[in-house]
Amino acid sequence: MKARAASRDYRGLDRVIHERGRLAIMSMLAGGIGRMAFTEIRERLAMTDGNLSRHLAALEESGLVKMERRTGRGRPQTEVALTGEGRRAFAGYLERLEQILSQAKAATSEERAGAAAARARGREPEPEPA
């Protein structure tokens, strides 16, 4: 019964953001100075150009980031920034993830308390030392 309830908790997580690479990108942009160069993101996350481009395309298609190609002195650079929608979506994602983690922590604490109570009543053997 608990396993089914726990599985429903994940429905509120945004699938676009939840993928590991995109989550890393969103985290960097949310904690950064507003915009970052494509090359800086690539280097910090140790991604290939192609891999980062695919993740950014998915985020851009969802309206979560905007990319702008800037030219000036030297080579052209692509800058990436969160959109207003992206900031709101990321904040909502984090809030939902915190709820899920809080529920998991509470369930784990309840299980530990139940196991300790059972051991105290002599119904369950003490775990062996490692």
Protein backbone atom coordinates (compact mmCIF):
# COMPACT_ATOMS: atom_id res chain seq x y z
CA MET A 1 0.00 0.00 0.00
CA LYS A 2 2.78 2.46 0.92
CA ALA A 3 4.68 1.66 -2.30
CA ARG A 4 1.68 2.71 -4.40
CA ALA A 5 1.26 5.97 -2.47
CA ALA A 6 4.97 6.73 -2.81
CA SER A 7 4.90 6.15 -6.57
CA ARG A 8 2.13 8.73 -6.97
CA ASP A 9 4.32 11.37 -5.35
CA TYR A 10 6.49 11.64 -8.45
CA ARG A 11 3.68 12.66 -10.79
CA GLY A 12 4.11 16.29 -9.78
CA LEU A 13 7.73 16.43 -10.93
CA ASP A 14 8.32 18.18 -14.25
CA ARG A 15 9.76 15.52 -16.57
CA VAL A 16 11.64 18.08 -18.65
CA ILE A 17 13.49 19.42 -15.60
CA HIS A 18 13.86 16.07 -13.82
CA GLU A 19 16.32 14.59 -16.31
CA ARG A 20 19.78 14.73 -14.69
CA GLY A 21 21.53 16.90 -17.29
CA ARG A 22 18.68 19.39 -17.53
CA LEU A 23 18.35 19.52 -13.75
CA ALA A 24 22.05 20.43 -13.55
CA ILE A 25 21.61 23.15 -16.18
CA MET A 26 18.54 24.60 -14.45
CA SER A 27 20.32 24.55 -11.08
CA MET A 28 23.31 26.41 -12.47
CA LEU A 29 21.19 29.02 -14.18
CA ALA A 30 18.94 29.52 -11.14
CA GLY A 31 21.95 30.02 -8.89
CA GLY A 32 23.95 32.10 -11.32
CA ILE A 33 24.08 35.74 -12.27
CA GLY A 34 21.25 35.54 -14.75
CA ARG A 35 22.89 34.27 -17.89
CA MET A 36 25.76 31.99 -18.70
CA ALA A 37 27.77 31.30 -21.80
CA PHE A 38 27.19 27.96 -23.52
CA THR A 39 30.90 27.20 -23.18
CA GLU A 40 30.89 27.87 -19.43
CA ILE A 41 27.93 25.55 -18.88
CA ARG A 42 29.58 22.90 -21.07
CA GLU A 43 32.84 23.07 -19.13
CA ARG A 44 31.28 23.13 -15.67
CA LEU A 45 29.06 20.14 -16.43
CA ALA A 46 31.66 18.27 -18.51
CA MET A 47 29.20 17.77 -21.38
CA THR A 48 29.86 17.54 -25.07
CA ASP A 49 28.60 20.29 -27.36
CA GLY A 50 26.00 17.94 -28.82
CA ASN A 51 24.73 16.69 -25.48
CA LEU A 52 24.41 20.19 -24.05
CA SER A 53 22.74 21.43 -27.24
CA ARG A 54 20.09 18.70 -27.02
CA HIS A 55 19.34 19.47 -23.37
CA LEU A 56 19.15 23.21 -24.05
CA ALA A 57 16.87 22.60 -27.04
CA ALA A 58 14.46 20.62 -24.84
CA LEU A 59 14.50 23.36 -22.21
CA GLU A 60 14.03 26.07 -24.82
CA GLU A 61 11.15 24.23 -26.52
CA SER A 62 9.45 24.04 -23.13
CA GLY A 63 9.90 27.77 -22.63
CA LEU A 64 12.17 27.31 -19.62
CA VAL A 65 15.32 28.91 -21.05
CA LYS A 66 16.13 31.37 -23.78
CA MET A 67 19.28 31.34 -25.84
CA GLU A 68 20.79 34.38 -27.45
CA ARG A 69 23.68 34.45 -29.87
CA ARG A 70 25.88 37.46 -29.25
CA THR A 71 28.55 38.81 -31.48
CA GLY A 72 31.15 41.37 -30.67
CA ARG A 73 34.87 41.28 -30.44
CA GLY A 74 36.17 37.79 -31.02
CA ARG A 75 34.06 34.74 -31.59
CA PRO A 76 30.27 34.75 -31.38
CA GLN A 77 28.91 33.35 -28.14
CA THR A 78 25.62 31.75 -27.18
CA GLU A 79 24.28 32.92 -23.85
CA VAL A 80 21.63 31.00 -21.94
CA ALA A 81 19.22 32.35 -19.33
CA LEU A 82 16.17 31.16 -17.48
CA THR A 83 12.88 32.67 -18.58
CA GLY A 84 10.34 33.89 -16.02
CA GLU A 85 8.40 30.72 -16.69
CA GLY A 86 11.61 28.72 -16.18
CA ARG A 87 12.24 30.31 -12.78
CA ARG A 88 8.66 29.59 -11.68
CA ALA A 89 8.78 26.02 -13.00
CA PHE A 90 12.11 25.36 -11.27
CA ALA A 91 10.84 26.79 -7.97
CA GLY A 92 7.75 24.57 -8.25
CA TYR A 93 9.91 21.56 -9.09
CA LEU A 94 12.10 22.14 -6.03
CA GLU A 95 9.06 22.60 -3.80
CA ARG A 96 7.55 19.32 -5.02
CA LEU A 97 10.87 17.50 -4.66
CA GLU A 98 11.22 18.78 -1.09
CA GLN A 99 7.73 17.42 -0.31
CA ILE A 100 8.65 14.02 -1.72
CA LEU A 101 11.91 13.93 0.24
CA SER A 102 10.14 15.01 3.42
CA GLN A 103 7.56 12.22 3.00
CA ALA A 104 10.33 9.70 2.36
CA LYS A 105 12.25 10.88 5.41
CA ALA A 106 9.14 10.64 7.60
CA ALA A 107 8.38 7.14 6.30
CA THR A 108 11.96 6.05 6.95
CA SER A 109 11.84 7.47 10.49
CA GLU A 110 8.55 5.67 11.14
CA GLU A 111 10.02 2.38 9.88
CA ARG A 112 13.10 2.80 12.09
CA ALA A 113 10.95 3.62 15.11
CA GLY A 114 8.75 0.58 14.42
CA ALA A 115 11.77 -1.70 14.07
CA ALA A 116 13.32 -0.34 17.27
CA ALA A 117 10.04 -0.88 19.14
CA ALA A 118 9.82 -4.44 17.83
CA ARG A 119 13.40 -5.12 18.96
CA ALA A 120 12.61 -3.67 22.37
CA ARG A 121 9.66 -6.07 22.67
CA GLY A 122 11.95 -8.93 21.70
CA ARG A 123 10.20 -9.69 18.43
CA GLU A 124 13.06 -8.94 16.15
CA PRO A 125 16.72 -9.82 16.65
CA GLU A 126 19.24 -7.04 17.03
CA PRO A 127 21.15 -6.34 13.82
CA GLU A 128 24.63 -7.79 13.73
CA PRO A 129 27.51 -5.33 14.04
CA ALA A 130 29.31 -4.56 10.79
